[in-house]
Amino acid sequence: MVTNVFVASGKQVKENINKPEISSNVFIRLDDGQHVRIVFFPNEEDLFQQYYSHSDFKKKIFSHPCLINDCPSCDAGIKRTTKILVPVYDLDADEIRIIDASARQLSNICQILDEYADEPGLAFKYSRTGKQLDTVYSLTPIFPSKLSKEDKAKIAKVPELRKQVTEEFLLQALRPKTKEQILEMLNKGQTQTEDENIEPMGDEDLPF
């Protein structure tokens, strides 16, 4: 018997080809002193997607989305925090990327969006200073006078790129774990805790 390796057929093939590819580094992760230049999409707030994230670095249970219903991490009492996906355009990488924001970060982002709502053609310097619990993220406006012709041409296409930022795109980027994968991670974490094999906290577990 021949194994079926086809993943799509007919019109679905065309639809799949036309979907934007999700980069392996779609989430913006910065080290101390690093920054990226980003552009927010028109009506950016309408693109926000909120979810809950579980993590417990002491048990080596790294950040993963809560399943909401029948969630093993909820049943195990693993800490849950609110997270918000904020899609942006990376001016230098020339691609759609995502800020995985905390509620506090989102408040700062919304404040910036409101403050510069009447300023067209802006980019922002999104930067990080500090490490672990002493980390601060900041947004600094880059006005059109400081942008090159190439930058301005890229920014001009941002409204069209917005059409690619769908709920499906963000969900695929988030890559939620299955119940079975979460159970496996919980079991491994419990075993390592009992063996006192605990590693330092990583950036994915920072509370912002």
N, C-alpha and C. Protein backbone atom coordinates (compact mmCIF):
# COMPACT_ATOMS: atom_id res chain seq x y z
N MET A 1 0.85 -1.20 0.00
CA MET A 1 0.00 0.00 0.00
C MET A 1 0.88 1.25 0.00
N VAL A 2 0.59 2.19 -0.89
CA VAL A 2 1.37 3.42 -1.02
C VAL A 2 0.94 4.43 0.05
N THR A 3 1.90 5.01 0.76
CA THR A 3 1.60 6.00 1.79
C THR A 3 1.23 7.33 1.15
N ASN A 4 0.15 7.92 1.59
CA ASN A 4 -0.30 9.21 1.06
C ASN A 4 0.51 10.33 1.70
N VAL A 5 1.27 11.06 0.89
CA VAL A 5 2.10 12.15 1.40
C VAL A 5 1.55 13.52 0.99
N PHE A 6 0.41 13.55 0.32
CA PHE A 6 -0.16 14.83 -0.10
C PHE A 6 -0.76 15.56 1.09
N VAL A 7 -0.53 16.87 1.16
CA VAL A 7 -1.05 17.67 2.27
C VAL A 7 -2.15 18.62 1.84
N ALA A 8 -2.35 18.76 0.53
CA ALA A 8 -3.42 19.62 0.02
C ALA A 8 -3.71 19.25 -1.42
N SER A 9 -4.90 19.63 -1.89
CA SER A 9 -5.26 19.33 -3.27
C SER A 9 -6.17 20.42 -3.81
N GLY A 10 -6.26 20.49 -5.14
CA GLY A 10 -7.16 21.44 -5.79
C GLY A 10 -6.88 22.90 -5.42
N LYS A 11 -7.95 23.62 -5.16
CA LYS A 11 -7.84 25.05 -4.87
C LYS A 11 -7.06 25.32 -3.59
N GLN A 12 -7.05 24.35 -2.67
CA GLN A 12 -6.34 24.54 -1.41
C GLN A 12 -4.85 24.73 -1.64
N VAL A 13 -4.31 24.08 -2.70
CA VAL A 13 -2.90 24.23 -3.04
C VAL A 13 -2.59 25.68 -3.38
N LYS A 14 -3.44 26.28 -4.22
CA LYS A 14 -3.25 27.68 -4.62
C LYS A 14 -3.34 28.59 -3.41
N GLU A 15 -4.30 28.33 -2.53
CA GLU A 15 -4.46 29.16 -1.33
C GLU A 15 -3.23 29.04 -0.44
N ASN A 16 -2.70 27.84 -0.30
CA ASN A 16 -1.52 27.64 0.55
C ASN A 16 -0.30 28.37 0.01
N ILE A 17 -0.13 28.33 -1.32
CA ILE A 17 1.02 28.98 -1.95
C ILE A 17 0.96 30.49 -1.76
N ASN A 18 -0.25 31.05 -1.76
CA ASN A 18 -0.40 32.50 -1.65
C ASN A 18 -0.33 33.01 -0.21
N LYS A 19 -0.28 32.09 0.74
CA LYS A 19 -0.17 32.52 2.14
C LYS A 19 1.25 32.99 2.42
N PRO A 20 1.42 34.02 3.25
CA PRO A 20 2.78 34.49 3.56
C PRO A 20 3.55 33.44 4.36
N GLU A 21 4.83 33.29 4.03
CA GLU A 21 5.66 32.36 4.78
C GLU A 21 5.98 32.94 6.15
N ILE A 22 5.98 32.08 7.16
CA ILE A 22 6.28 32.53 8.52
C ILE A 22 7.74 32.25 8.81
N SER A 23 8.49 33.30 9.05
CA SER A 23 9.92 33.20 9.31
C SER A 23 10.16 32.45 10.62
N SER A 24 11.29 31.76 10.70
CA SER A 24 11.64 31.05 11.92
C SER A 24 11.93 32.02 13.07
N ASN A 25 12.26 33.26 12.74
CA ASN A 25 12.49 34.26 13.78
C ASN A 25 11.42 35.34 13.75
N VAL A 26 10.18 34.89 13.54
CA VAL A 26 9.06 35.83 13.42
C VAL A 26 8.86 36.64 14.70
N PHE A 27 9.16 36.04 15.86
CA PHE A 27 9.04 36.79 17.11
C PHE A 27 10.31 37.61 17.34
N ILE A 28 10.13 38.86 17.74
CA ILE A 28 11.26 39.74 17.99
C ILE A 28 11.83 39.44 19.36
N ARG A 29 13.04 38.88 19.39
CA ARG A 29 13.74 38.59 20.64
C ARG A 29 15.03 39.41 20.65
N LEU A 30 15.16 40.29 21.60
CA LEU A 30 16.32 41.17 21.66
C LEU A 30 17.19 40.88 22.87
N ASP A 31 18.48 41.02 22.70
CA ASP A 31 19.41 40.96 23.82
C ASP A 31 19.68 42.38 24.31
N ASP A 32 20.34 42.48 25.43
CA ASP A 32 20.69 43.77 26.00
C ASP A 32 21.46 44.62 24.99
N GLY A 33 20.94 45.84 24.72
CA GLY A 33 21.61 46.76 23.81
C GLY A 33 21.18 46.63 22.36
N GLN A 34 20.37 45.64 22.04
CA GLN A 34 19.93 45.46 20.65
C GLN A 34 18.66 46.25 20.36
N HIS A 35 18.41 46.50 19.07
CA HIS A 35 17.19 47.18 18.67
C HIS A 35 16.83 46.78 17.24
N VAL A 36 15.57 47.01 16.89
CA VAL A 36 15.10 46.84 15.52
C VAL A 36 14.26 48.06 15.17
N ARG A 37 14.17 48.36 13.89
CA ARG A 37 13.30 49.45 13.43
C ARG A 37 12.00 48.84 12.94
N ILE A 38 10.90 49.28 13.50
CA ILE A 38 9.60 48.70 13.18
C ILE A 38 8.61 49.77 12.74
N VAL A 39 7.56 49.30 12.07
CA VAL A 39 6.45 50.17 11.66
C VAL A 39 5.17 49.49 12.09
N PHE A 40 4.29 50.24 12.73
CA PHE A 40 2.99 49.69 13.11
C PHE A 40 2.04 49.76 11.92
N PHE A 41 1.11 48.81 11.89
CA PHE A 41 0.14 48.76 10.80
C PHE A 41 -0.99 49.76 11.04
N PRO A 42 -1.67 50.18 9.98
CA PRO A 42 -2.86 51.03 10.17
C PRO A 42 -3.88 50.31 11.05
N ASN A 43 -4.53 51.05 11.95
CA ASN A 43 -5.49 50.44 12.88
C ASN A 43 -4.87 49.24 13.59
N GLU A 44 -3.68 49.45 14.09
CA GLU A 44 -2.89 48.38 14.72
C GLU A 44 -3.67 47.66 15.81
N GLU A 45 -4.44 48.40 16.60
CA GLU A 45 -5.14 47.79 17.74
C GLU A 45 -6.07 46.67 17.31
N ASP A 46 -6.60 46.75 16.09
CA ASP A 46 -7.53 45.72 15.62
C ASP A 46 -6.83 44.39 15.35
N LEU A 47 -5.50 44.42 15.29
CA LEU A 47 -4.74 43.21 14.99
C LEU A 47 -4.27 42.47 16.24
N PHE A 48 -4.39 43.11 17.39
CA PHE A 48 -3.93 42.48 18.63
C PHE A 48 -4.66 41.16 18.88
N GLN A 49 -3.91 40.18 19.37
CA GLN A 49 -4.51 38.90 19.78
C GLN A 49 -4.00 38.56 21.18
N GLN A 50 -4.94 38.41 22.12
CA GLN A 50 -4.59 38.11 23.50
C GLN A 50 -4.67 36.61 23.76
N TYR A 51 -3.72 36.11 24.55
CA TYR A 51 -3.76 34.71 24.97
C TYR A 51 -3.11 34.60 26.35
N TYR A 52 -3.22 33.43 26.96
CA TYR A 52 -2.58 33.18 28.25
C TYR A 52 -1.36 32.29 28.05
N SER A 53 -0.31 32.60 28.80
CA SER A 53 0.93 31.83 28.69
C SER A 53 1.30 31.23 30.04
N HIS A 54 1.65 29.96 30.03
CA HIS A 54 2.11 29.26 31.24
C HIS A 54 3.63 29.16 31.23
N SER A 55 4.25 29.25 32.41
CA SER A 55 5.69 28.99 32.53
C SER A 55 6.06 28.81 34.00
N ASP A 56 7.12 28.06 34.23
CA ASP A 56 7.70 27.90 35.56
C ASP A 56 9.16 27.51 35.35
N PHE A 57 10.04 28.52 35.32
CA PHE A 57 11.44 28.24 34.97
C PHE A 57 12.12 27.33 35.98
N LYS A 58 11.66 27.35 37.25
CA LYS A 58 12.28 26.49 38.26
C LYS A 58 12.07 25.01 37.95
N LYS A 59 10.98 24.72 37.26
CA LYS A 59 10.70 23.35 36.86
C LYS A 59 11.06 23.09 35.40
N LYS A 60 11.72 24.10 34.79
CA LYS A 60 12.11 24.05 33.38
C LYS A 60 10.89 23.82 32.48
N ILE A 61 9.81 24.49 32.84
CA ILE A 61 8.61 24.48 32.00
C ILE A 61 8.56 25.82 31.30
N PHE A 62 8.96 25.82 30.03
CA PHE A 62 9.10 27.07 29.30
C PHE A 62 7.75 27.58 28.80
N SER A 63 7.73 28.84 28.44
CA SER A 63 6.49 29.51 28.06
C SER A 63 5.76 28.76 26.95
N HIS A 64 4.47 28.58 27.15
CA HIS A 64 3.63 27.94 26.14
C HIS A 64 2.19 28.42 26.33
N PRO A 65 1.43 28.52 25.24
CA PRO A 65 0.06 29.00 25.34
C PRO A 65 -0.85 28.08 26.14
N CYS A 66 -1.72 28.69 26.91
CA CYS A 66 -2.73 27.94 27.66
C CYS A 66 -3.78 27.41 26.69
N LEU A 67 -4.21 26.17 26.90
CA LEU A 67 -5.23 25.58 26.03
C LEU A 67 -6.65 26.00 26.43
N ILE A 68 -6.78 26.74 27.52
CA ILE A 68 -8.06 27.25 28.03
C ILE A 68 -8.95 26.12 28.54
N ASN A 69 -9.40 25.26 27.64
CA ASN A 69 -10.25 24.14 28.04
C ASN A 69 -9.42 22.86 28.16
N ASP A 70 -9.55 22.18 29.30
CA ASP A 70 -8.83 20.93 29.52
C ASP A 70 -7.33 21.13 29.36
N CYS A 71 -6.81 22.15 30.02
CA CYS A 71 -5.40 22.50 29.91
C CYS A 71 -4.59 21.83 31.03
N PRO A 72 -3.61 20.97 30.69
CA PRO A 72 -2.81 20.29 31.72
C PRO A 72 -2.05 21.26 32.61
N SER A 73 -1.58 22.38 32.05
CA SER A 73 -0.82 23.34 32.85
C SER A 73 -1.71 24.03 33.87
N CYS A 74 -2.96 24.30 33.50
CA CYS A 74 -3.92 24.85 34.46
C CYS A 74 -4.16 23.85 35.58
N ASP A 75 -4.36 22.58 35.20
CA ASP A 75 -4.63 21.54 36.19
C ASP A 75 -3.44 21.36 37.13
N ALA A 76 -2.22 21.60 36.61
CA ALA A 76 -1.02 21.43 37.43
C ALA A 76 -0.68 22.67 38.24
N GLY A 77 -1.48 23.73 38.06
CA GLY A 77 -1.25 24.95 38.82
C GLY A 77 -0.05 25.76 38.36
N ILE A 78 0.34 25.61 37.08
CA ILE A 78 1.47 26.37 36.55
C ILE A 78 1.05 27.83 36.34
N LYS A 79 1.92 28.74 36.76
CA LYS A 79 1.63 30.17 36.67
C LYS A 79 1.17 30.56 35.27
N ARG A 80 0.12 31.39 35.22
CA ARG A 80 -0.43 31.83 33.94
C ARG A 80 -0.43 33.35 33.87
N THR A 81 0.08 33.90 32.77
CA THR A 81 0.12 35.35 32.58
C THR A 81 -0.56 35.73 31.27
N THR A 82 -0.99 36.98 31.19
CA THR A 82 -1.61 37.49 29.98
C THR A 82 -0.54 37.96 29.00
N LYS A 83 -0.67 37.53 27.76
CA LYS A 83 0.25 37.95 26.69
C LYS A 83 -0.57 38.44 25.50
N ILE A 84 0.03 39.34 24.72
CA ILE A 84 -0.65 39.88 23.56
C ILE A 84 0.29 39.87 22.37
N LEU A 85 -0.18 39.32 21.26
CA LEU A 85 0.60 39.33 20.03
C LEU A 85 0.39 40.67 19.33
N VAL A 86 1.49 41.36 19.06
CA VAL A 86 1.44 42.67 18.38
C VAL A 86 2.23 42.54 17.07
N PRO A 87 1.54 42.37 15.94
CA PRO A 87 2.26 42.26 14.67
C PRO A 87 2.77 43.62 14.21
N VAL A 88 3.99 43.62 13.68
CA VAL A 88 4.61 44.86 13.19
C VAL A 88 5.37 44.54 11.91
N TYR A 89 5.76 45.59 11.20
CA TYR A 89 6.60 45.43 10.02
C TYR A 89 8.03 45.77 10.41
N ASP A 90 8.95 44.82 10.19
CA ASP A 90 10.37 45.03 10.48
C ASP A 90 10.99 45.73 9.26
N LEU A 91 11.37 46.97 9.45
CA LEU A 91 11.84 47.80 8.34
C LEU A 91 13.14 47.27 7.74
N ASP A 92 14.03 46.75 8.56
CA ASP A 92 15.32 46.28 8.06
C ASP A 92 15.25 44.86 7.49
N ALA A 93 14.48 43.99 8.14
CA ALA A 93 14.33 42.62 7.66
C ALA A 93 13.34 42.54 6.50
N ASP A 94 12.53 43.60 6.33
CA ASP A 94 11.52 43.67 5.27
C ASP A 94 10.55 42.50 5.36
N GLU A 95 10.00 42.31 6.56
CA GLU A 95 9.04 41.23 6.76
C GLU A 95 8.16 41.52 7.97
N ILE A 96 7.05 40.81 8.03
CA ILE A 96 6.14 40.92 9.17
C ILE A 96 6.72 40.14 10.34
N ARG A 97 6.77 40.77 11.50
CA ARG A 97 7.24 40.11 12.70
C ARG A 97 6.27 40.39 13.85
N ILE A 98 6.53 39.81 15.00
CA ILE A 98 5.58 39.89 16.11
C ILE A 98 6.29 40.24 17.41
N ILE A 99 5.71 41.18 18.15
CA ILE A 99 6.13 41.45 19.53
C ILE A 99 5.21 40.64 20.43
N ASP A 100 5.79 39.78 21.26
CA ASP A 100 5.01 38.98 22.20
C ASP A 100 4.96 39.77 23.51
N ALA A 101 3.97 40.64 23.62
CA ALA A 101 3.96 41.65 24.67
C ALA A 101 3.23 41.20 25.93
N SER A 102 3.71 41.71 27.06
CA SER A 102 2.98 41.57 28.31
C SER A 102 1.92 42.66 28.37
N ALA A 103 1.06 42.60 29.36
CA ALA A 103 0.04 43.64 29.52
C ALA A 103 0.70 45.01 29.74
N ARG A 104 1.79 45.01 30.49
CA ARG A 104 2.49 46.27 30.74
C ARG A 104 3.12 46.83 29.46
N GLN A 105 3.72 45.96 28.69
CA GLN A 105 4.29 46.38 27.41
C GLN A 105 3.22 46.94 26.49
N LEU A 106 2.08 46.26 26.46
CA LEU A 106 1.00 46.69 25.56
C LEU A 106 0.51 48.07 25.95
N SER A 107 0.43 48.34 27.24
CA SER A 107 0.01 49.66 27.70
C SER A 107 0.94 50.74 27.16
N ASN A 108 2.25 50.47 27.18
CA ASN A 108 3.22 51.42 26.65
C ASN A 108 3.07 51.58 25.14
N ILE A 109 2.83 50.47 24.44
CA ILE A 109 2.66 50.52 22.99
C ILE A 109 1.43 51.35 22.62
N CYS A 110 0.33 51.12 23.33
CA CYS A 110 -0.90 51.86 23.05
C CYS A 110 -0.72 53.36 23.32
N GLN A 111 0.04 53.67 24.35
CA GLN A 111 0.31 55.07 24.65
C GLN A 111 1.08 55.74 23.51
N ILE A 112 2.06 55.01 22.97
CA ILE A 112 2.84 55.53 21.85
C ILE A 112 1.96 55.70 20.61
N LEU A 113 1.12 54.70 20.34
CA LEU A 113 0.23 54.76 19.18
C LEU A 113 -0.71 55.96 19.27
N ASP A 114 -1.23 56.22 20.45
CA ASP A 114 -2.12 57.36 20.64
C ASP A 114 -1.37 58.69 20.48
N GLU A 115 -0.16 58.72 21.02
CA GLU A 115 0.62 59.96 21.00
C GLU A 115 1.00 60.38 19.58
N TYR A 116 1.26 59.39 18.72
CA TYR A 116 1.72 59.71 17.37
C TYR A 116 0.70 59.32 16.30
N ALA A 117 -0.56 59.26 16.69
CA ALA A 117 -1.62 58.84 15.77
C ALA A 117 -1.74 59.77 14.57
N ASP A 118 -1.41 61.03 14.73
CA ASP A 118 -1.55 62.01 13.65
C ASP A 118 -0.25 62.26 12.90
N GLU A 119 0.74 61.39 13.12
CA GLU A 119 2.04 61.55 12.45
C GLU A 119 2.21 60.43 11.41
N PRO A 120 1.97 60.70 10.13
CA PRO A 120 2.09 59.65 9.10
C PRO A 120 3.54 59.35 8.76
N GLY A 121 3.76 58.13 8.28
CA GLY A 121 5.08 57.76 7.79
C GLY A 121 6.14 57.53 8.83
N LEU A 122 5.73 57.26 10.06
CA LEU A 122 6.69 57.07 11.14
C LEU A 122 7.21 55.62 11.20
N ALA A 123 8.44 55.49 11.64
CA ALA A 123 8.97 54.21 12.07
C ALA A 123 9.35 54.38 13.54
N PHE A 124 9.66 53.27 14.20
CA PHE A 124 10.04 53.34 15.61
C PHE A 124 11.26 52.46 15.86
N LYS A 125 12.10 52.92 16.74
CA LYS A 125 13.23 52.13 17.21
C LYS A 125 12.76 51.38 18.45
N TYR A 126 12.68 50.07 18.33
CA TYR A 126 12.24 49.21 19.43
C TYR A 126 13.50 48.59 20.03
N SER A 127 13.82 48.94 21.26
CA SER A 127 15.10 48.55 21.83
C SER A 127 14.95 47.93 23.21
N ARG A 128 15.99 47.22 23.59
CA ARG A 128 16.05 46.57 24.90
C ARG A 128 17.33 46.97 25.62
N THR A 129 17.17 47.28 26.90
CA THR A 129 18.33 47.50 27.77
C THR A 129 18.13 46.68 29.04
N GLY A 130 19.23 46.13 29.56
CA GLY A 130 19.15 45.34 30.78
C GLY A 130 18.99 43.86 30.52
N LYS A 131 19.04 43.09 31.61
CA LYS A 131 18.94 41.64 31.53
C LYS A 131 17.94 41.12 32.56
N GLN A 132 17.27 40.05 32.18
CA GLN A 132 16.30 39.36 33.03
C GLN A 132 15.34 40.34 33.70
N LEU A 133 15.24 40.35 35.03
CA LEU A 133 14.23 41.16 35.69
C LEU A 133 14.53 42.66 35.64
N ASP A 134 15.72 43.04 35.20
CA ASP A 134 16.07 44.45 35.08
C ASP A 134 15.93 44.95 33.65
N THR A 135 15.21 44.22 32.84
CA THR A 135 15.07 44.56 31.42
C THR A 135 14.01 45.65 31.21
N VAL A 136 14.34 46.58 30.30
CA VAL A 136 13.40 47.62 29.90
C VAL A 136 13.33 47.66 28.37
N TYR A 137 12.12 47.65 27.83
CA TYR A 137 11.91 47.81 26.40
C TYR A 137 11.39 49.22 26.14
N SER A 138 11.84 49.84 25.06
CA SER A 138 11.41 51.21 24.77
C SER A 138 11.14 51.39 23.29
N LEU A 139 10.30 52.37 22.98
CA LEU A 139 9.96 52.74 21.61
C LEU A 139 10.30 54.21 21.39
N THR A 140 11.12 54.48 20.39
CA THR A 140 11.52 55.84 20.07
C THR A 140 11.11 56.15 18.64
N PRO A 141 10.36 57.22 18.41
CA PRO A 141 9.91 57.53 17.04
C PRO A 141 11.07 57.91 16.12
N ILE A 142 10.98 57.48 14.87
CA ILE A 142 11.91 57.88 13.83
C ILE A 142 11.10 58.65 12.79
N PHE A 143 11.29 59.94 12.73
CA PHE A 143 10.48 60.78 11.85
C PHE A 143 10.94 60.65 10.39
N PRO A 144 10.04 60.95 9.44
CA PRO A 144 10.37 60.81 8.01
C PRO A 144 11.65 61.51 7.58
N SER A 145 11.97 62.60 8.21
CA SER A 145 13.19 63.33 7.85
C SER A 145 14.45 62.52 8.14
N LYS A 146 14.34 61.52 8.99
CA LYS A 146 15.47 60.67 9.35
C LYS A 146 15.47 59.34 8.59
N LEU A 147 14.52 59.19 7.68
CA LEU A 147 14.40 57.95 6.93
C LEU A 147 14.89 58.13 5.50
N SER A 148 15.47 57.08 4.94
CA SER A 148 15.95 57.13 3.56
C SER A 148 14.78 56.96 2.58
N LYS A 149 15.06 57.20 1.30
CA LYS A 149 14.03 56.99 0.26
C LYS A 149 13.59 55.53 0.23
N GLU A 150 14.57 54.64 0.42
CA GLU A 150 14.25 53.21 0.44
C GLU A 150 13.35 52.87 1.62
N ASP A 151 13.64 53.45 2.78
CA ASP A 151 12.80 53.22 3.95
C ASP A 151 11.37 53.69 3.69
N LYS A 152 11.24 54.88 3.11
CA LYS A 152 9.91 55.45 2.85
C LYS A 152 9.14 54.60 1.85
N ALA A 153 9.84 54.04 0.87
CA ALA A 153 9.19 53.18 -0.11
C ALA A 153 8.66 51.91 0.56
N LYS A 154 9.44 51.38 1.49
CA LYS A 154 9.00 50.19 2.23
C LYS A 154 7.78 50.50 3.09
N ILE A 155 7.82 51.64 3.77
CA ILE A 155 6.71 52.03 4.64
C ILE A 155 5.43 52.23 3.85
N ALA A 156 5.58 52.68 2.61
CA ALA A 156 4.40 52.93 1.76
C ALA A 156 3.62 51.64 1.47
N LYS A 157 4.30 50.49 1.54
CA LYS A 157 3.61 49.23 1.23
C LYS A 157 3.03 48.55 2.47
N VAL A 158 3.23 49.15 3.64
CA VAL A 158 2.74 48.55 4.89
C VAL A 158 1.22 48.36 4.90
N PRO A 159 0.42 49.34 4.43
CA PRO A 159 -1.04 49.12 4.42
C PRO A 159 -1.45 47.88 3.62
N GLU A 160 -0.75 47.61 2.52
CA GLU A 160 -1.06 46.42 1.72
C GLU A 160 -0.63 45.15 2.44
N LEU A 161 0.51 45.21 3.11
CA LEU A 161 1.00 44.04 3.86
C LEU A 161 0.05 43.67 4.99
N ARG A 162 -0.68 44.64 5.48
CA ARG A 162 -1.60 44.40 6.60
C ARG A 162 -2.59 43.29 6.29
N LYS A 163 -2.94 43.12 5.02
CA LYS A 163 -3.90 42.09 4.63
C LYS A 163 -3.40 40.69 4.96
N GLN A 164 -2.08 40.55 5.07
CA GLN A 164 -1.51 39.23 5.38
C GLN A 164 -1.58 38.89 6.86
N VAL A 165 -1.85 39.89 7.68
CA VAL A 165 -1.84 39.66 9.13
C VAL A 165 -3.23 39.19 9.56
N THR A 166 -3.45 37.90 9.41
CA THR A 166 -4.73 37.30 9.76
C THR A 166 -4.61 36.56 11.09
N GLU A 167 -5.74 36.19 11.63
CA GLU A 167 -5.75 35.40 12.86
C GLU A 167 -5.04 34.07 12.63
N GLU A 168 -5.24 33.50 11.45
CA GLU A 168 -4.58 32.23 11.12
C GLU A 168 -3.06 32.40 11.09
N PHE A 169 -2.58 33.50 10.52
CA PHE A 169 -1.15 33.78 10.47
C PHE A 169 -0.55 33.84 11.87
N LEU A 170 -1.23 34.56 12.76
CA LEU A 170 -0.72 34.72 14.13
C LEU A 170 -0.77 33.41 14.90
N LEU A 171 -1.80 32.63 14.67
CA LEU A 171 -1.92 31.34 15.35
C LEU A 171 -0.82 30.37 14.89
N GLN A 172 -0.54 30.38 13.59
CA GLN A 172 0.53 29.53 13.08
C GLN A 172 1.88 29.95 13.62
N ALA A 173 2.07 31.26 13.79
CA ALA A 173 3.33 31.77 14.35
C ALA A 173 3.47 31.36 15.81
N LEU A 174 2.37 31.36 16.54
CA LEU A 174 2.39 31.02 17.96
C LEU A 174 2.68 29.54 18.20
N ARG A 175 2.19 28.70 17.30
CA ARG A 175 2.42 27.25 17.37
C ARG A 175 2.07 26.66 18.74
N PRO A 176 0.80 26.68 19.11
CA PRO A 176 0.41 26.11 20.41
C PRO A 176 0.77 24.63 20.49
N LYS A 177 1.16 24.21 21.68
CA LYS A 177 1.47 22.80 21.89
C LYS A 177 0.18 22.01 22.06
N THR A 178 0.23 20.74 21.73
CA THR A 178 -0.91 19.88 21.96
C THR A 178 -0.97 19.49 23.43
N LYS A 179 -2.09 18.93 23.86
CA LYS A 179 -2.22 18.48 25.23
C LYS A 179 -1.16 17.44 25.56
N GLU A 180 -0.88 16.56 24.60
CA GLU A 180 0.11 15.50 24.82
C GLU A 180 1.52 16.09 24.99
N GLN A 181 1.84 17.11 24.19
CA GLN A 181 3.16 17.74 24.29
C GLN A 181 3.33 18.46 25.64
N ILE A 182 2.25 19.10 26.10
CA ILE A 182 2.31 19.79 27.39
C ILE A 182 2.48 18.79 28.52
N LEU A 183 1.75 17.68 28.45
CA LEU A 183 1.87 16.66 29.49
C LEU A 183 3.30 16.11 29.55
N GLU A 184 3.90 15.91 28.39
CA GLU A 184 5.27 15.41 28.34
C GLU A 184 6.24 16.41 28.97
N MET A 185 6.04 17.70 28.66
CA MET A 185 6.90 18.73 29.23
C MET A 185 6.72 18.82 30.74
N LEU A 186 5.49 18.71 31.21
CA LEU A 186 5.23 18.75 32.65
C LEU A 186 5.90 17.58 33.36
N ASN A 187 5.83 16.41 32.74
CA ASN A 187 6.44 15.23 33.35
C ASN A 187 7.95 15.36 33.41
N LYS A 188 8.55 15.88 32.35
CA LYS A 188 10.00 16.09 32.33
C LYS A 188 10.41 17.12 33.36
N GLY A 189 9.61 18.20 33.46
CA GLY A 189 9.91 19.25 34.41
C GLY A 189 9.86 18.75 35.84
N GLN A 190 8.87 17.91 36.14
CA GLN A 190 8.74 17.36 37.48
C GLN A 190 9.93 16.47 37.82
N THR A 191 10.37 15.67 36.84
CA THR A 191 11.50 14.77 37.05
C THR A 191 12.78 15.56 37.32
N GLN A 192 12.99 16.63 36.53
CA GLN A 192 14.20 17.43 36.70
C GLN A 192 14.19 18.19 38.02
N THR A 193 13.03 18.60 38.47
CA THR A 193 12.92 19.29 39.76
C THR A 193 13.29 18.35 40.90
N GLU A 194 12.82 17.11 40.79
CA GLU A 194 13.14 16.13 41.82
C GLU A 194 14.64 15.83 41.85
N ASP A 195 15.28 15.90 40.66
CA ASP A 195 16.72 15.65 40.58
C ASP A 195 17.53 16.91 40.86
N GLU A 196 16.84 18.04 41.14
CA GLU A 196 17.47 19.33 41.37
C GLU A 196 18.34 19.77 40.20
N ASN A 197 17.89 19.38 39.00
CA ASN A 197 18.61 19.76 37.78
C ASN A 197 17.91 20.97 37.19
N ILE A 198 18.18 22.15 37.78
CA ILE A 198 17.49 23.37 37.40
C ILE A 198 18.45 24.30 36.69
N GLU A 199 18.03 24.83 35.52
CA GLU A 199 18.86 25.75 34.77
C GLU A 199 18.41 27.18 35.02
N PRO A 200 19.29 28.19 34.75
CA PRO A 200 18.92 29.59 34.95
C PRO A 200 17.75 29.98 34.06
N MET A 201 17.06 31.02 34.45
CA MET A 201 15.91 31.52 33.71
C MET A 201 16.35 32.05 32.35
N GLY A 202 15.60 31.73 31.33
CA GLY A 202 15.88 32.22 29.99
C GLY A 202 15.00 33.40 29.65
N ASP A 203 15.31 34.07 28.53
CA ASP A 203 14.53 35.25 28.13
C ASP A 203 13.08 34.95 27.87
N GLU A 204 12.80 33.68 27.43
CA GLU A 204 11.41 33.36 27.12
C GLU A 204 10.54 33.33 28.37
N ASP A 205 11.16 33.37 29.55
CA ASP A 205 10.41 33.33 30.79
C ASP A 205 10.33 34.69 31.49
N LEU A 206 10.83 35.73 30.85
CA LEU A 206 10.77 37.06 31.45
C LEU A 206 9.33 37.53 31.53
N PRO A 207 8.94 38.22 32.58
CA PRO A 207 7.56 38.63 32.78
C PRO A 207 7.19 39.92 32.05
N PHE A 208 7.71 40.14 30.83
CA PHE A 208 7.35 41.34 30.06
C PHE A 208 7.55 41.08 28.58
